[in-house]
Amino acid sequence: MHDPSTLMSYLVLWLIIIVLFYLFYKLTVWARKRKKAAYIFGAAVQMFLPDPYAERTIKIVQEKKAEVKKRQQGIGTVKD
């Protein structure tokens, strides 16, 4: 027979999995109905979890800003 602590750990594991599936289901329902709770949860997750593409995103934003600045300087010299 199994040790009671091993059996309890299996039950806890399955309970966690069931709770996570329920949470994901509720978030999906809220997102489809465009509830504020889904937006708040998404913003909180975005704040606390790291962005794996942060460096790439920063580089893209810098390039776009440089491009806009270059266009504005080019337009400014044409008008003068």
C-alpha atoms as a PDB file:
ATOM      1  CA  MET A   1       0.000   0.000   0.000  1.00  0.00           C
ATOM      2  CA  HIS A   2       1.046   3.575  -0.555  1.00  0.00           C
ATOM      3  CA  ASP A   3       2.289   5.907   2.093  1.00  0.00           C
ATOM      4  CA  PRO A   4      -0.424   8.400   3.184  1.00  0.00           C
ATOM      5  CA  SER A   5       1.873  11.372   2.574  1.00  0.00           C
ATOM      6  CA  THR A   6       2.470  10.230  -1.025  1.00  0.00           C
ATOM      7  CA  LEU A   7      -1.243   9.841  -1.583  1.00  0.00           C
ATOM      8  CA  MET A   8      -1.840  13.298  -0.110  1.00  0.00           C
ATOM      9  CA  SER A   9       0.794  14.853  -2.380  1.00  0.00           C
ATOM     10  CA  TYR A  10      -0.930  13.331  -5.427  1.00  0.00           C
ATOM     11  CA  LEU A  11      -4.263  14.709  -4.294  1.00  0.00           C
ATOM     12  CA  VAL A  12      -2.778  18.166  -3.750  1.00  0.00           C
ATOM     13  CA  LEU A  13      -1.192  18.062  -7.197  1.00  0.00           C
ATOM     14  CA  TRP A  14      -4.509  17.154  -8.847  1.00  0.00           C
ATOM     15  CA  LEU A  15      -6.307  19.818  -6.833  1.00  0.00           C
ATOM     16  CA  ILE A  16      -3.861  22.458  -8.067  1.00  0.00           C
ATOM     17  CA  ILE A  17      -4.318  21.310 -11.671  1.00  0.00           C
ATOM     18  CA  ILE A  18      -8.117  21.406 -11.375  1.00  0.00           C
ATOM     19  CA  VAL A  19      -8.027  24.886  -9.808  1.00  0.00           C
ATOM     20  CA  LEU A  20      -5.752  26.165 -12.595  1.00  0.00           C
ATOM     21  CA  PHE A  21      -8.049  24.782 -15.290  1.00  0.00           C
ATOM     22  CA  TYR A  22     -11.040  26.405 -13.600  1.00  0.00           C
ATOM     23  CA  LEU A  23      -9.175  29.714 -13.381  1.00  0.00           C
ATOM     24  CA  PHE A  24      -8.260  29.545 -17.078  1.00  0.00           C
ATOM     25  CA  TYR A  25     -11.849  28.728 -17.972  1.00  0.00           C
ATOM     26  CA  LYS A  26     -13.191  31.677 -15.966  1.00  0.00           C
ATOM     27  CA  LEU A  27     -10.646  34.051 -17.506  1.00  0.00           C
ATOM     28  CA  THR A  28     -11.653  32.901 -20.975  1.00  0.00           C
ATOM     29  CA  VAL A  29     -15.334  33.498 -20.202  1.00  0.00           C
ATOM     30  CA  TRP A  30     -14.549  36.937 -18.742  1.00  0.00           C
ATOM     31  CA  ALA A  31     -12.417  37.879 -21.745  1.00  0.00           C
ATOM     32  CA  ARG A  32     -15.184  36.914 -24.170  1.00  0.00           C
ATOM     33  CA  LYS A  33     -17.658  39.027 -22.218  1.00  0.00           C
ATOM     34  CA  ARG A  34     -15.075  41.838 -21.956  1.00  0.00           C
ATOM     35  CA  LYS A  35     -15.260  41.997 -18.164  1.00  0.00           C
ATOM     36  CA  LYS A  36     -12.989  44.391 -16.284  1.00  0.00           C
ATOM     37  CA  ALA A  37     -11.615  41.553 -14.169  1.00  0.00           C
ATOM     38  CA  ALA A  38     -10.008  39.978 -17.237  1.00  0.00           C
ATOM     39  CA  TYR A  39      -8.301  43.264 -18.149  1.00  0.00           C
ATOM     40  CA  ILE A  40      -7.119  43.798 -14.583  1.00  0.00           C
ATOM     41  CA  PHE A  41      -5.738  40.275 -14.348  1.00  0.00           C
ATOM     42  CA  GLY A  42      -3.980  40.673 -17.695  1.00  0.00           C
ATOM     43  CA  ALA A  43      -2.417  43.979 -16.645  1.00  0.00           C
ATOM     44  CA  ALA A  44      -1.264  42.505 -13.326  1.00  0.00           C
ATOM     45  CA  VAL A  45       0.304  39.500 -15.044  1.00  0.00           C
ATOM     46  CA  GLN A  46       2.004  41.786 -17.557  1.00  0.00           C
ATOM     47  CA  MET A  47       3.457  43.903 -14.732  1.00  0.00           C
ATOM     48  CA  PHE A  48       4.849  41.031 -12.676  1.00  0.00           C
ATOM     49  CA  LEU A  49       6.044  38.577 -15.310  1.00  0.00           C
ATOM     50  CA  PRO A  50       9.199  39.438 -17.257  1.00  0.00           C
ATOM     51  CA  ASP A  51       8.957  40.191 -20.954  1.00  0.00           C
ATOM     52  CA  PRO A  52      11.171  37.719 -22.840  1.00  0.00           C
ATOM     53  CA  TYR A  53      11.428  40.110 -25.796  1.00  0.00           C
ATOM     54  CA  ALA A  54      12.178  43.302 -23.843  1.00  0.00           C
ATOM     55  CA  GLU A  55      15.508  44.038 -25.551  1.00  0.00           C
ATOM     56  CA  ARG A  56      14.063  43.480 -29.010  1.00  0.00           C
ATOM     57  CA  THR A  57      11.048  45.681 -28.230  1.00  0.00           C
ATOM     58  CA  ILE A  58      13.259  48.496 -26.926  1.00  0.00           C
ATOM     59  CA  LYS A  59      15.419  48.316 -30.045  1.00  0.00           C
ATOM     60  CA  ILE A  60      12.369  48.480 -32.342  1.00  0.00           C
ATOM     61  CA  VAL A  61      10.953  51.481 -30.464  1.00  0.00           C
ATOM     62  CA  GLN A  62      14.304  53.296 -30.654  1.00  0.00           C
ATOM     63  CA  GLU A  63      14.532  52.657 -34.401  1.00  0.00           C
ATOM     64  CA  LYS A  64      10.996  53.956 -34.963  1.00  0.00           C
ATOM     65  CA  LYS A  65      11.713  57.088 -32.925  1.00  0.00           C
ATOM     66  CA  ALA A  66      14.908  57.714 -34.891  1.00  0.00           C
ATOM     67  CA  GLU A  67      13.002  57.245 -38.148  1.00  0.00           C
ATOM     68  CA  VAL A  68      10.302  59.732 -37.118  1.00  0.00           C
ATOM     69  CA  LYS A  69      12.926  62.226 -35.930  1.00  0.00           C
ATOM     70  CA  LYS A  70      14.794  61.885 -39.240  1.00  0.00           C
ATOM     71  CA  ARG A  71      11.578  62.517 -41.194  1.00  0.00           C
ATOM     72  CA  GLN A  72      10.765  65.578 -39.089  1.00  0.00           C
ATOM     73  CA  GLN A  73      14.252  66.999 -39.629  1.00  0.00           C
ATOM     74  CA  GLY A  74      13.968  66.316 -43.347  1.00  0.00           C
ATOM     75  CA  ILE A  75      10.585  68.082 -43.517  1.00  0.00           C
ATOM     76  CA  GLY A  76      11.937  71.000 -41.492  1.00  0.00           C
ATOM     77  CA  THR A  77      14.866  71.586 -43.865  1.00  0.00           C
ATOM     78  CA  VAL A  78      12.647  71.431 -46.958  1.00  0.00           C
ATOM     79  CA  LYS A  79      10.299  74.131 -45.603  1.00  0.00           C
ATOM     80  CA  ASP A  80      13.153  76.501 -44.681  1.00  0.00           C
END
